[in-house]
Each structure stands twice: as C-alpha cells, then as structure tokens.
C-alpha cells in the first residue's frame, strides 16, 4: 500500500454517504455539502469512477438530493443501509473484486455515518480520503471532533478539489478542460423537499 495515500484512477471509488433531502433546514453547510457532492458526481461521470450512494432510512430521511441524482451514470450504485457504517457485504465484495485501494468519502453526518464508515474502511486496510468540504454535521463541534478522530485513526483529510486534481494529474489530461468547468460550478439554490 502506498504510504503517502496517493489516489490512482483505476484503484479508487467515491462513497457519497447519506446526503438526503430530509435535512429540512437548508443551511450553508447543507448547500456546501450538496454542491461538493454534485461536483464529485460530475467528475466521476467524466472519468468513469465508480460511486456508491448510500441512503439511511428513506422513509424518514428522504431521497438523495435530486441535484446529485441528475449526474448519475452507469457506475453509480445507490443502496439503502440501515447500519451507520455504509460498508455492506456488497460494498466489500466490489472493493475486493475490483482491486480498490482508496475510497474518497463524504456525506452526512460526519460524526455518525461518515465516521463509522471511515473506521470500517480503515480497519479493512483501505486508504480513506475524507473530503471535509463535502462532509457535515449540523453541530460544528461534532463535525470537528469527528474529523480529528478520523485523522488520528489514519484517514487523509482533504478537499474535493485536491482529490480531483490528484486524480486528473496533469493539465495535459484530455479531460482537464471539462474538469475546470466542474470547479467553476455556480452555487446551488436548494429548497426543502418537504
């Protein structure tokens, strides 16, 4: 395993954790998290990166934001997982069968599902890149404490933009111009779904 935690295109998956429209109060944190998820989804579509999209209790928390779903592609797997950790047997099977080394993780809430998913991945030997701009808890102290715990446990604390630049590797990449358009995506105008 790469001790530096480098991300290689053919060895990475994204895990979009419970970014659901049940967050009735639209705050700057929610908008930032959804916007980051949309950018990562667009990027994954351009580069054909597999994405797992988890949902927690659909009847209570609602669906994944439609703004994210708009960019679903053939390598997206959406699933419902009731345990707080989103590492189901199906996810584990995919990671093993596809020689995945790194997981780019983001979602809601940082101190619950994101944290437990991260710890499960680390305990199985995966490199976890936590996108802090795409992760949130409604309470700042919960968010900050969970990020520190994940970092102390071995996760790489990063941002979506840093992750995407590392995967794209060079301005000579044929997808670089498309990538720049993703970075310039305007602010979203989210409204509560119910």
N, C-alpha and C. Protein backbone atom coordinates (compact mmCIF):
# COMPACT_ATOMS: atom_id res chain seq x y z
N UNK A 1 0.84 -1.19 0.00
CA UNK A 1 0.00 0.00 0.00
C UNK A 1 0.87 1.25 0.00
N UNK A 2 0.46 2.22 -0.74
CA UNK A 2 1.18 3.49 -0.84
C UNK A 2 1.08 4.23 0.49
N UNK A 3 2.22 4.39 1.18
CA UNK A 3 2.21 5.05 2.49
C UNK A 3 1.82 6.52 2.40
N UNK A 4 1.96 7.12 1.23
CA UNK A 4 1.58 8.52 1.05
C UNK A 4 0.09 8.68 0.78
N UNK A 5 -0.59 7.57 0.54
CA UNK A 5 -2.02 7.63 0.31
C UNK A 5 -2.40 8.20 -1.04
N UNK A 6 -1.52 8.05 -2.03
CA UNK A 6 -1.83 8.59 -3.36
C UNK A 6 -3.06 7.92 -3.93
N UNK A 7 -3.80 8.68 -4.74
CA UNK A 7 -5.02 8.17 -5.38
C UNK A 7 -4.73 7.90 -6.84
N UNK A 8 -5.04 6.68 -7.28
CA UNK A 8 -4.86 6.31 -8.68
C UNK A 8 -6.23 6.00 -9.29
N UNK A 9 -6.44 6.49 -10.48
CA UNK A 9 -7.74 6.44 -11.13
C UNK A 9 -8.36 5.04 -11.14
N UNK A 10 -7.57 4.04 -11.45
CA UNK A 10 -8.14 2.68 -11.58
C UNK A 10 -8.24 1.94 -10.25
N UNK A 11 -7.94 2.63 -9.13
CA UNK A 11 -7.97 1.97 -7.82
C UNK A 11 -8.82 2.73 -6.80
N UNK A 12 -9.74 3.59 -7.28
CA UNK A 12 -10.49 4.44 -6.36
C UNK A 12 -11.99 4.34 -6.61
N UNK A 13 -12.75 4.47 -5.53
CA UNK A 13 -14.20 4.66 -5.61
C UNK A 13 -14.56 5.86 -4.75
N UNK A 14 -15.71 6.46 -5.05
CA UNK A 14 -16.26 7.54 -4.24
C UNK A 14 -17.41 6.95 -3.43
N UNK A 15 -17.55 7.41 -2.19
CA UNK A 15 -18.67 6.98 -1.36
C UNK A 15 -19.41 8.21 -0.85
N UNK A 16 -20.59 8.43 -1.41
CA UNK A 16 -21.50 9.54 -1.11
C UNK A 16 -22.43 9.06 0.00
N UNK A 17 -22.20 9.52 1.22
CA UNK A 17 -22.85 8.95 2.39
C UNK A 17 -24.06 9.78 2.85
N UNK A 18 -25.25 9.28 2.56
CA UNK A 18 -26.50 9.79 3.15
C UNK A 18 -26.75 11.29 2.96
N UNK A 19 -26.47 11.82 1.79
CA UNK A 19 -26.77 13.23 1.53
C UNK A 19 -28.20 13.30 1.01
N UNK A 20 -29.13 13.30 1.95
CA UNK A 20 -30.55 13.14 1.66
C UNK A 20 -31.33 14.41 1.94
N UNK A 21 -32.45 14.54 1.24
CA UNK A 21 -33.21 15.78 1.34
C UNK A 21 -34.05 15.90 2.61
N UNK A 22 -33.86 14.98 3.54
CA UNK A 22 -34.52 15.08 4.84
C UNK A 22 -33.95 16.17 5.73
N UNK A 23 -32.83 16.77 5.31
CA UNK A 23 -32.32 17.91 6.07
C UNK A 23 -33.20 19.10 5.73
N UNK A 24 -34.26 19.27 6.53
CA UNK A 24 -35.30 20.25 6.22
C UNK A 24 -34.78 21.68 6.29
N UNK A 25 -33.87 21.94 7.19
CA UNK A 25 -33.33 23.28 7.32
C UNK A 25 -32.13 23.40 6.39
N UNK A 26 -32.25 24.21 5.35
CA UNK A 26 -31.16 24.39 4.41
C UNK A 26 -30.20 25.43 4.97
N UNK A 27 -29.05 24.98 5.36
CA UNK A 27 -28.03 25.87 5.89
C UNK A 27 -26.90 25.97 4.87
N UNK A 28 -25.97 26.88 5.13
CA UNK A 28 -24.78 26.96 4.27
C UNK A 28 -24.03 25.63 4.25
N UNK A 29 -24.04 24.92 5.38
CA UNK A 29 -23.35 23.61 5.46
C UNK A 29 -23.99 22.60 4.51
N UNK A 30 -25.32 22.56 4.51
CA UNK A 30 -26.03 21.62 3.63
C UNK A 30 -25.77 21.97 2.17
N UNK A 31 -25.87 23.25 1.83
CA UNK A 31 -25.65 23.68 0.45
C UNK A 31 -24.23 23.34 0.01
N UNK A 32 -23.24 23.60 0.85
CA UNK A 32 -21.85 23.30 0.51
C UNK A 32 -21.65 21.80 0.31
N UNK A 33 -22.25 21.00 1.17
CA UNK A 33 -22.11 19.54 1.08
C UNK A 33 -22.73 19.01 -0.21
N UNK A 34 -23.94 19.46 -0.53
CA UNK A 34 -24.61 19.01 -1.76
C UNK A 34 -23.83 19.48 -2.98
N UNK A 35 -23.37 20.71 -2.96
CA UNK A 35 -22.61 21.26 -4.09
C UNK A 35 -21.33 20.45 -4.32
N UNK A 36 -20.64 20.11 -3.25
CA UNK A 36 -19.42 19.29 -3.37
C UNK A 36 -19.76 17.92 -3.93
N UNK A 37 -20.85 17.33 -3.45
CA UNK A 37 -21.27 16.02 -3.95
C UNK A 37 -21.60 16.07 -5.44
N UNK A 38 -22.24 17.15 -5.87
CA UNK A 38 -22.56 17.31 -7.30
C UNK A 38 -21.28 17.39 -8.12
N UNK A 39 -20.30 18.19 -7.64
CA UNK A 39 -19.02 18.29 -8.36
C UNK A 39 -18.34 16.93 -8.47
N UNK A 40 -18.32 16.19 -7.37
CA UNK A 40 -17.68 14.87 -7.39
C UNK A 40 -18.43 13.91 -8.30
N UNK A 41 -19.76 14.02 -8.33
CA UNK A 41 -20.54 13.15 -9.21
C UNK A 41 -20.26 13.49 -10.68
N UNK A 42 -20.21 14.78 -11.01
CA UNK A 42 -19.88 15.18 -12.39
C UNK A 42 -18.49 14.67 -12.77
N UNK A 43 -17.55 14.83 -11.85
CA UNK A 43 -16.18 14.39 -12.10
C UNK A 43 -16.12 12.88 -12.30
N UNK A 44 -16.83 12.15 -11.46
CA UNK A 44 -16.84 10.68 -11.58
C UNK A 44 -17.44 10.25 -12.91
N UNK A 45 -18.42 11.00 -13.38
CA UNK A 45 -19.04 10.68 -14.67
C UNK A 45 -18.04 10.87 -15.80
N UNK A 46 -17.30 11.97 -15.76
CA UNK A 46 -16.29 12.25 -16.80
C UNK A 46 -15.20 11.20 -16.83
N UNK A 47 -14.77 10.73 -15.66
CA UNK A 47 -13.63 9.82 -15.58
C UNK A 47 -14.03 8.37 -15.33
N UNK A 48 -15.33 8.10 -15.32
CA UNK A 48 -15.85 6.73 -15.16
C UNK A 48 -15.41 6.10 -13.83
N UNK A 49 -15.48 6.89 -12.76
CA UNK A 49 -15.12 6.41 -11.43
C UNK A 49 -16.38 5.83 -10.77
N UNK A 50 -16.28 4.63 -10.20
CA UNK A 50 -17.45 4.07 -9.50
C UNK A 50 -17.82 4.92 -8.28
N UNK A 51 -19.13 5.03 -8.04
CA UNK A 51 -19.64 5.78 -6.90
C UNK A 51 -20.70 4.96 -6.19
N UNK A 52 -20.54 4.82 -4.87
CA UNK A 52 -21.58 4.24 -4.04
C UNK A 52 -22.34 5.39 -3.39
N UNK A 53 -23.66 5.36 -3.51
CA UNK A 53 -24.51 6.40 -2.91
C UNK A 53 -25.40 5.71 -1.89
N UNK A 54 -25.14 5.97 -0.61
CA UNK A 54 -25.92 5.32 0.44
C UNK A 54 -27.06 6.22 0.89
N UNK A 55 -28.11 5.57 1.38
CA UNK A 55 -29.25 6.26 1.97
C UNK A 55 -29.57 5.61 3.31
N UNK A 56 -29.89 6.46 4.29
CA UNK A 56 -30.27 5.99 5.62
C UNK A 56 -31.77 6.20 5.79
N UNK A 57 -32.51 5.13 6.02
CA UNK A 57 -33.94 5.21 6.30
C UNK A 57 -34.68 6.18 5.37
N UNK A 58 -34.88 5.73 4.16
CA UNK A 58 -35.51 6.57 3.13
C UNK A 58 -36.84 7.17 3.55
N UNK A 59 -37.65 6.42 4.28
CA UNK A 59 -38.97 6.93 4.68
C UNK A 59 -38.85 8.11 5.64
N UNK A 60 -37.76 8.16 6.38
CA UNK A 60 -37.56 9.24 7.35
C UNK A 60 -36.72 10.37 6.75
N UNK A 61 -35.63 10.01 6.10
CA UNK A 61 -34.64 11.00 5.64
C UNK A 61 -34.83 11.43 4.19
N UNK A 62 -35.73 10.80 3.48
CA UNK A 62 -35.96 11.19 2.10
C UNK A 62 -34.90 10.63 1.16
N UNK A 63 -34.97 11.07 -0.08
CA UNK A 63 -34.07 10.57 -1.12
C UNK A 63 -32.78 11.37 -1.17
N UNK A 64 -31.81 10.80 -1.87
CA UNK A 64 -30.61 11.57 -2.20
C UNK A 64 -31.06 12.81 -2.95
N UNK A 65 -30.41 13.94 -2.68
CA UNK A 65 -30.79 15.19 -3.34
C UNK A 65 -30.86 15.00 -4.86
N UNK A 66 -31.90 15.53 -5.46
CA UNK A 66 -32.09 15.41 -6.91
C UNK A 66 -30.96 16.08 -7.68
N UNK A 67 -30.35 17.11 -7.10
CA UNK A 67 -29.22 17.78 -7.74
C UNK A 67 -28.04 16.84 -7.93
N UNK A 68 -27.89 15.89 -7.01
CA UNK A 68 -26.83 14.86 -7.11
C UNK A 68 -27.26 13.80 -8.12
N UNK A 69 -28.51 13.35 -8.01
CA UNK A 69 -29.01 12.29 -8.89
C UNK A 69 -28.98 12.67 -10.36
N UNK A 70 -29.05 13.96 -10.63
CA UNK A 70 -29.05 14.45 -12.01
C UNK A 70 -27.81 13.98 -12.78
N UNK A 71 -26.73 13.69 -12.06
CA UNK A 71 -25.47 13.31 -12.71
C UNK A 71 -25.12 11.84 -12.49
N UNK A 72 -26.12 11.03 -12.14
CA UNK A 72 -25.87 9.60 -12.02
C UNK A 72 -25.42 9.06 -13.38
N UNK A 73 -24.62 8.02 -13.33
CA UNK A 73 -24.12 7.38 -14.55
C UNK A 73 -24.04 5.88 -14.32
N UNK A 74 -23.55 5.17 -15.31
CA UNK A 74 -23.60 3.71 -15.28
C UNK A 74 -22.76 3.09 -14.16
N UNK A 75 -21.86 3.86 -13.55
CA UNK A 75 -21.01 3.31 -12.49
C UNK A 75 -21.48 3.72 -11.09
N UNK A 76 -22.71 4.22 -11.00
CA UNK A 76 -23.28 4.61 -9.70
C UNK A 76 -24.14 3.46 -9.16
N UNK A 77 -23.91 3.13 -7.90
CA UNK A 77 -24.73 2.14 -7.21
C UNK A 77 -25.37 2.85 -6.02
N UNK A 78 -26.69 2.97 -6.05
CA UNK A 78 -27.41 3.57 -4.92
C UNK A 78 -28.01 2.45 -4.08
N UNK A 79 -27.89 2.56 -2.78
CA UNK A 79 -28.38 1.50 -1.90
C UNK A 79 -28.81 2.07 -0.56
N UNK A 80 -29.68 1.34 0.11
CA UNK A 80 -30.11 1.74 1.43
C UNK A 80 -29.37 0.89 2.45
N UNK A 81 -28.81 1.54 3.46
CA UNK A 81 -28.07 0.83 4.50
C UNK A 81 -28.49 1.38 5.85
N UNK A 82 -29.07 0.53 6.69
CA UNK A 82 -29.56 1.00 7.99
C UNK A 82 -28.47 1.08 9.05
N UNK A 83 -27.44 0.22 9.01
CA UNK A 83 -26.36 0.46 9.98
C UNK A 83 -25.71 1.82 9.67
N UNK A 84 -25.12 2.43 10.68
CA UNK A 84 -24.48 3.72 10.46
C UNK A 84 -23.28 3.58 9.52
N UNK A 85 -22.54 2.48 9.63
CA UNK A 85 -21.47 2.24 8.66
C UNK A 85 -22.10 1.80 7.34
N UNK A 86 -21.62 2.37 6.26
CA UNK A 86 -22.17 2.05 4.94
C UNK A 86 -21.38 0.95 4.22
N UNK A 87 -20.51 0.27 4.96
CA UNK A 87 -19.71 -0.80 4.36
C UNK A 87 -20.47 -2.11 4.50
N UNK A 88 -21.35 -2.33 3.53
CA UNK A 88 -22.17 -3.53 3.47
C UNK A 88 -21.37 -4.67 2.82
N UNK A 89 -21.85 -5.91 2.93
CA UNK A 89 -21.17 -7.02 2.25
C UNK A 89 -21.02 -6.78 0.74
N UNK A 90 -22.01 -6.13 0.10
CA UNK A 90 -21.94 -5.85 -1.34
C UNK A 90 -20.82 -4.86 -1.65
N UNK A 91 -20.66 -3.86 -0.80
CA UNK A 91 -19.59 -2.88 -1.00
C UNK A 91 -18.24 -3.56 -0.83
N UNK A 92 -18.09 -4.37 0.22
CA UNK A 92 -16.83 -5.09 0.46
C UNK A 92 -16.49 -5.97 -0.73
N UNK A 93 -17.47 -6.68 -1.25
CA UNK A 93 -17.25 -7.57 -2.40
C UNK A 93 -16.74 -6.76 -3.60
N UNK A 94 -17.38 -5.63 -3.88
CA UNK A 94 -16.96 -4.80 -5.02
C UNK A 94 -15.52 -4.31 -4.82
N UNK A 95 -15.21 -3.83 -3.64
CA UNK A 95 -13.85 -3.31 -3.38
C UNK A 95 -12.80 -4.39 -3.61
N UNK A 96 -13.07 -5.59 -3.13
CA UNK A 96 -12.11 -6.69 -3.29
C UNK A 96 -12.00 -7.12 -4.75
N UNK A 97 -13.13 -7.31 -5.41
CA UNK A 97 -13.12 -7.82 -6.78
C UNK A 97 -12.52 -6.83 -7.78
N UNK A 98 -12.52 -5.54 -7.45
CA UNK A 98 -12.03 -4.52 -8.37
C UNK A 98 -10.69 -3.92 -7.96
N UNK A 99 -10.03 -4.57 -7.00
CA UNK A 99 -8.69 -4.16 -6.58
C UNK A 99 -8.65 -2.68 -6.16
N UNK A 100 -9.69 -2.26 -5.43
CA UNK A 100 -9.77 -0.87 -4.96
C UNK A 100 -8.84 -0.69 -3.77
N UNK A 101 -8.08 0.39 -3.80
CA UNK A 101 -7.16 0.71 -2.70
C UNK A 101 -7.63 1.93 -1.91
N UNK A 102 -8.28 2.89 -2.60
CA UNK A 102 -8.65 4.16 -1.98
C UNK A 102 -10.15 4.41 -2.09
N UNK A 103 -10.69 5.01 -1.02
CA UNK A 103 -12.08 5.43 -1.02
C UNK A 103 -12.12 6.91 -0.68
N UNK A 104 -12.77 7.69 -1.55
CA UNK A 104 -13.00 9.11 -1.30
C UNK A 104 -14.37 9.19 -0.64
N UNK A 105 -14.39 9.67 0.61
CA UNK A 105 -15.58 9.63 1.45
C UNK A 105 -16.08 11.04 1.75
N UNK A 106 -17.40 11.20 1.72
CA UNK A 106 -18.02 12.48 2.04
C UNK A 106 -19.48 12.24 2.36
N UNK A 107 -20.11 13.16 3.10
CA UNK A 107 -21.53 13.00 3.36
C UNK A 107 -21.99 13.52 4.70
N UNK A 108 -23.11 12.94 5.16
CA UNK A 108 -23.80 13.39 6.37
C UNK A 108 -24.02 12.18 7.30
N UNK A 109 -24.09 12.35 8.57
CA UNK A 109 -23.42 13.41 9.28
C UNK A 109 -22.02 12.93 9.63
N UNK A 110 -21.08 13.84 9.70
CA UNK A 110 -19.67 13.49 9.87
C UNK A 110 -19.43 12.64 11.10
N UNK A 111 -20.10 12.97 12.20
CA UNK A 111 -19.82 12.29 13.47
C UNK A 111 -20.57 10.97 13.63
N UNK A 112 -21.40 10.62 12.68
CA UNK A 112 -22.16 9.37 12.79
C UNK A 112 -21.79 8.44 11.63
N UNK A 113 -22.52 8.53 10.54
CA UNK A 113 -22.34 7.59 9.43
C UNK A 113 -20.99 7.74 8.73
N UNK A 114 -20.53 8.97 8.52
CA UNK A 114 -19.24 9.16 7.85
C UNK A 114 -18.13 8.60 8.72
N UNK A 115 -18.15 8.91 10.02
CA UNK A 115 -17.13 8.40 10.94
C UNK A 115 -17.11 6.88 10.97
N UNK A 116 -18.26 6.26 11.17
CA UNK A 116 -18.29 4.80 11.29
C UNK A 116 -17.91 4.10 9.98
N UNK A 117 -18.29 4.70 8.86
CA UNK A 117 -17.89 4.16 7.55
C UNK A 117 -16.38 4.26 7.40
N UNK A 118 -15.83 5.40 7.76
CA UNK A 118 -14.38 5.62 7.67
C UNK A 118 -13.62 4.59 8.51
N UNK A 119 -14.04 4.42 9.76
CA UNK A 119 -13.34 3.48 10.65
C UNK A 119 -13.42 2.06 10.12
N UNK A 120 -14.57 1.68 9.55
CA UNK A 120 -14.70 0.34 8.96
C UNK A 120 -13.74 0.16 7.78
N UNK A 121 -13.64 1.17 6.94
CA UNK A 121 -12.73 1.09 5.80
C UNK A 121 -11.27 1.02 6.25
N UNK A 122 -10.91 1.85 7.21
CA UNK A 122 -9.52 1.84 7.72
C UNK A 122 -9.19 0.49 8.34
N UNK A 123 -10.14 -0.09 9.08
CA UNK A 123 -9.88 -1.38 9.73
C UNK A 123 -9.69 -2.50 8.71
N UNK A 124 -10.20 -2.30 7.49
CA UNK A 124 -10.03 -3.28 6.42
C UNK A 124 -8.82 -2.97 5.54
N UNK A 125 -8.07 -1.94 5.88
CA UNK A 125 -6.82 -1.65 5.17
C UNK A 125 -6.94 -0.70 3.98
N UNK A 126 -8.09 -0.04 3.82
CA UNK A 126 -8.25 0.89 2.70
C UNK A 126 -7.71 2.28 3.07
N UNK A 127 -7.25 3.01 2.07
CA UNK A 127 -6.86 4.40 2.23
C UNK A 127 -8.14 5.22 2.11
N UNK A 128 -8.41 6.04 3.11
CA UNK A 128 -9.63 6.86 3.10
C UNK A 128 -9.24 8.32 2.98
N UNK A 129 -9.79 8.98 1.96
CA UNK A 129 -9.63 10.42 1.77
C UNK A 129 -10.96 11.05 2.15
N UNK A 130 -10.98 11.78 3.26
CA UNK A 130 -12.19 12.44 3.71
C UNK A 130 -12.24 13.84 3.12
N UNK A 131 -13.26 14.11 2.31
CA UNK A 131 -13.44 15.45 1.74
C UNK A 131 -14.20 16.30 2.76
N UNK A 132 -13.49 17.16 3.46
CA UNK A 132 -14.13 17.93 4.53
C UNK A 132 -15.12 18.96 3.98
N UNK A 133 -14.94 19.39 2.74
CA UNK A 133 -15.89 20.32 2.15
C UNK A 133 -17.18 19.62 1.72
N UNK A 134 -17.18 18.31 1.71
CA UNK A 134 -18.35 17.54 1.34
C UNK A 134 -18.94 16.76 2.49
N UNK A 135 -18.49 17.07 3.71
CA UNK A 135 -18.98 16.37 4.89
C UNK A 135 -19.49 17.39 5.90
N UNK A 136 -20.55 17.03 6.60
CA UNK A 136 -21.11 17.98 7.56
C UNK A 136 -21.85 17.28 8.68
N UNK A 137 -21.82 17.95 9.81
CA UNK A 137 -22.74 17.68 10.91
C UNK A 137 -23.44 18.99 11.19
N UNK A 138 -24.65 18.92 11.65
CA UNK A 138 -25.39 20.15 11.92
C UNK A 138 -24.78 20.93 13.09
N UNK A 139 -24.05 20.22 13.96
CA UNK A 139 -23.37 20.86 15.10
C UNK A 139 -21.87 20.89 14.80
N UNK A 140 -21.27 22.07 14.79
CA UNK A 140 -19.86 22.23 14.42
C UNK A 140 -18.91 21.42 15.29
N UNK A 141 -19.14 21.40 16.60
CA UNK A 141 -18.22 20.67 17.48
C UNK A 141 -18.24 19.17 17.20
N UNK A 142 -19.40 18.63 16.83
CA UNK A 142 -19.48 17.21 16.46
C UNK A 142 -18.68 16.96 15.19
N UNK A 143 -18.82 17.84 14.21
CA UNK A 143 -18.11 17.72 12.95
C UNK A 143 -16.59 17.76 13.17
N UNK A 144 -16.14 18.78 13.89
CA UNK A 144 -14.71 18.99 14.09
C UNK A 144 -14.07 17.84 14.86
N UNK A 145 -14.77 17.36 15.89
CA UNK A 145 -14.24 16.27 16.71
C UNK A 145 -14.14 14.98 15.89
N UNK A 146 -15.14 14.72 15.07
CA UNK A 146 -15.12 13.51 14.24
C UNK A 146 -13.99 13.56 13.22
N UNK A 147 -13.75 14.72 12.63
CA UNK A 147 -12.65 14.86 11.67
C UNK A 147 -11.31 14.57 12.35
N UNK A 148 -11.13 15.10 13.56
CA UNK A 148 -9.88 14.84 14.30
C UNK A 148 -9.73 13.35 14.58
N UNK A 149 -10.82 12.70 14.99
CA UNK A 149 -10.74 11.27 15.27
C UNK A 149 -10.36 10.48 14.02
N UNK A 150 -10.98 10.81 12.89
CA UNK A 150 -10.66 10.09 11.65
C UNK A 150 -9.21 10.31 11.24
N UNK A 151 -8.74 11.54 11.37
CA UNK A 151 -7.34 11.82 11.05
C UNK A 151 -6.41 11.05 11.97
N UNK A 152 -6.69 11.05 13.26
CA UNK A 152 -5.86 10.31 14.22
C UNK A 152 -5.91 8.81 13.97
N UNK A 153 -6.98 8.33 13.35
CA UNK A 153 -7.12 6.90 13.05
C UNK A 153 -6.47 6.51 11.73
N UNK A 154 -6.01 7.51 10.95
CA UNK A 154 -5.29 7.21 9.71
C UNK A 154 -5.92 7.71 8.43
N UNK A 155 -7.08 8.36 8.53
CA UNK A 155 -7.69 8.91 7.31
C UNK A 155 -6.90 10.12 6.84
N UNK A 156 -6.93 10.35 5.54
CA UNK A 156 -6.29 11.53 4.96
C UNK A 156 -7.36 12.61 4.84
N UNK A 157 -7.12 13.72 5.51
CA UNK A 157 -8.08 14.82 5.48
C UNK A 157 -7.76 15.69 4.28
N UNK A 158 -8.76 15.87 3.43
CA UNK A 158 -8.53 16.53 2.15
C UNK A 158 -9.76 17.35 1.76
N UNK A 159 -9.75 17.83 0.53
CA UNK A 159 -10.91 18.52 -0.04
C UNK A 159 -11.23 17.90 -1.40
N UNK A 160 -12.42 18.14 -1.87
CA UNK A 160 -12.82 17.58 -3.16
C UNK A 160 -11.91 18.08 -4.28
N UNK A 161 -11.57 19.36 -4.25
CA UNK A 161 -10.74 19.91 -5.32
C UNK A 161 -9.35 19.27 -5.32
N UNK A 162 -8.79 19.09 -4.14
CA UNK A 162 -7.47 18.45 -4.05
C UNK A 162 -7.52 17.02 -4.57
N UNK A 163 -8.57 16.29 -4.20
CA UNK A 163 -8.74 14.91 -4.65
C UNK A 163 -8.85 14.86 -6.18
N UNK A 164 -9.66 15.76 -6.75
CA UNK A 164 -9.85 15.74 -8.20
C UNK A 164 -8.56 16.10 -8.94
N UNK A 165 -7.84 17.09 -8.43
CA UNK A 165 -6.55 17.43 -9.06
C UNK A 165 -5.58 16.26 -9.01
N UNK A 166 -5.57 15.53 -7.90
CA UNK A 166 -4.66 14.39 -7.79
C UNK A 166 -5.02 13.30 -8.79
N UNK A 167 -6.31 13.06 -8.96
CA UNK A 167 -6.74 12.03 -9.91
C UNK A 167 -6.45 12.45 -11.35
N UNK A 168 -6.68 13.72 -11.67
CA UNK A 168 -6.50 14.20 -13.05
C UNK A 168 -5.02 14.29 -13.42
N UNK A 169 -4.15 14.54 -12.44
CA UNK A 169 -2.68 14.50 -12.52
C UNK A 169 -2.00 15.59 -13.32
N UNK A 170 -2.60 16.08 -14.39
CA UNK A 170 -1.87 17.00 -15.26
C UNK A 170 -2.83 17.84 -16.11
N UNK A 171 -2.40 19.06 -16.41
CA UNK A 171 -3.14 19.90 -17.32
C UNK A 171 -3.15 19.34 -18.73
N UNK A 172 -2.32 18.35 -18.98
CA UNK A 172 -2.27 17.69 -20.29
C UNK A 172 -3.32 16.59 -20.42
N UNK A 173 -3.97 16.26 -19.31
CA UNK A 173 -5.02 15.24 -19.35
C UNK A 173 -6.13 15.71 -20.30
N UNK A 174 -6.59 14.86 -21.23
CA UNK A 174 -7.63 15.26 -22.17
C UNK A 174 -8.93 15.74 -21.50
N UNK A 175 -9.15 15.35 -20.24
CA UNK A 175 -10.36 15.74 -19.52
C UNK A 175 -10.16 17.02 -18.71
N UNK A 176 -8.98 17.64 -18.80
CA UNK A 176 -8.67 18.78 -17.93
C UNK A 176 -9.62 19.96 -18.13
N UNK A 177 -9.97 20.29 -19.37
CA UNK A 177 -10.87 21.42 -19.61
C UNK A 177 -12.26 21.16 -19.03
N UNK A 178 -12.73 19.93 -19.16
CA UNK A 178 -14.02 19.57 -18.56
C UNK A 178 -13.95 19.68 -17.03
N UNK A 179 -12.81 19.29 -16.50
CA UNK A 179 -12.59 19.36 -15.06
C UNK A 179 -12.66 20.81 -14.57
N UNK A 180 -12.06 21.72 -15.29
CA UNK A 180 -12.08 23.13 -14.90
C UNK A 180 -13.51 23.68 -14.87
N UNK A 181 -14.34 23.23 -15.80
CA UNK A 181 -15.75 23.65 -15.81
C UNK A 181 -16.47 23.17 -14.55
N UNK A 182 -16.13 21.97 -14.10
CA UNK A 182 -16.74 21.44 -12.88
C UNK A 182 -16.37 22.32 -11.69
N UNK A 183 -15.12 22.74 -11.62
CA UNK A 183 -14.66 23.57 -10.50
C UNK A 183 -15.39 24.91 -10.45
N UNK A 184 -15.81 25.41 -11.59
CA UNK A 184 -16.46 26.73 -11.66
C UNK A 184 -17.97 26.66 -11.51
N UNK A 185 -18.48 25.52 -11.08
CA UNK A 185 -19.92 25.34 -10.94
C UNK A 185 -20.51 26.39 -9.99
N UNK A 186 -21.60 27.04 -10.38
CA UNK A 186 -22.19 28.08 -9.53
C UNK A 186 -22.83 27.50 -8.27
N UNK A 187 -23.11 28.38 -7.34
CA UNK A 187 -23.77 28.00 -6.09
C UNK A 187 -25.15 27.40 -6.40
N UNK A 188 -25.55 26.41 -5.62
CA UNK A 188 -26.86 25.79 -5.81
C UNK A 188 -27.93 26.60 -5.08
N UNK A 189 -29.15 26.45 -5.52
CA UNK A 189 -30.28 27.09 -4.85
C UNK A 189 -31.18 25.97 -4.33
N UNK A 190 -30.84 25.45 -3.17
CA UNK A 190 -31.58 24.33 -2.61
C UNK A 190 -32.82 24.84 -1.88
N UNK A 191 -33.88 24.05 -1.98
CA UNK A 191 -35.07 24.34 -1.20
C UNK A 191 -35.47 23.07 -0.48
N UNK A 192 -36.07 23.19 0.69
CA UNK A 192 -36.51 21.97 1.40
C UNK A 192 -37.47 21.16 0.54
N UNK A 193 -37.32 19.83 0.58
CA UNK A 193 -38.14 18.96 -0.26
C UNK A 193 -39.50 18.64 0.38
N UNK A 194 -39.60 18.77 1.69
CA UNK A 194 -40.88 18.53 2.37
C UNK A 194 -40.90 19.22 3.70
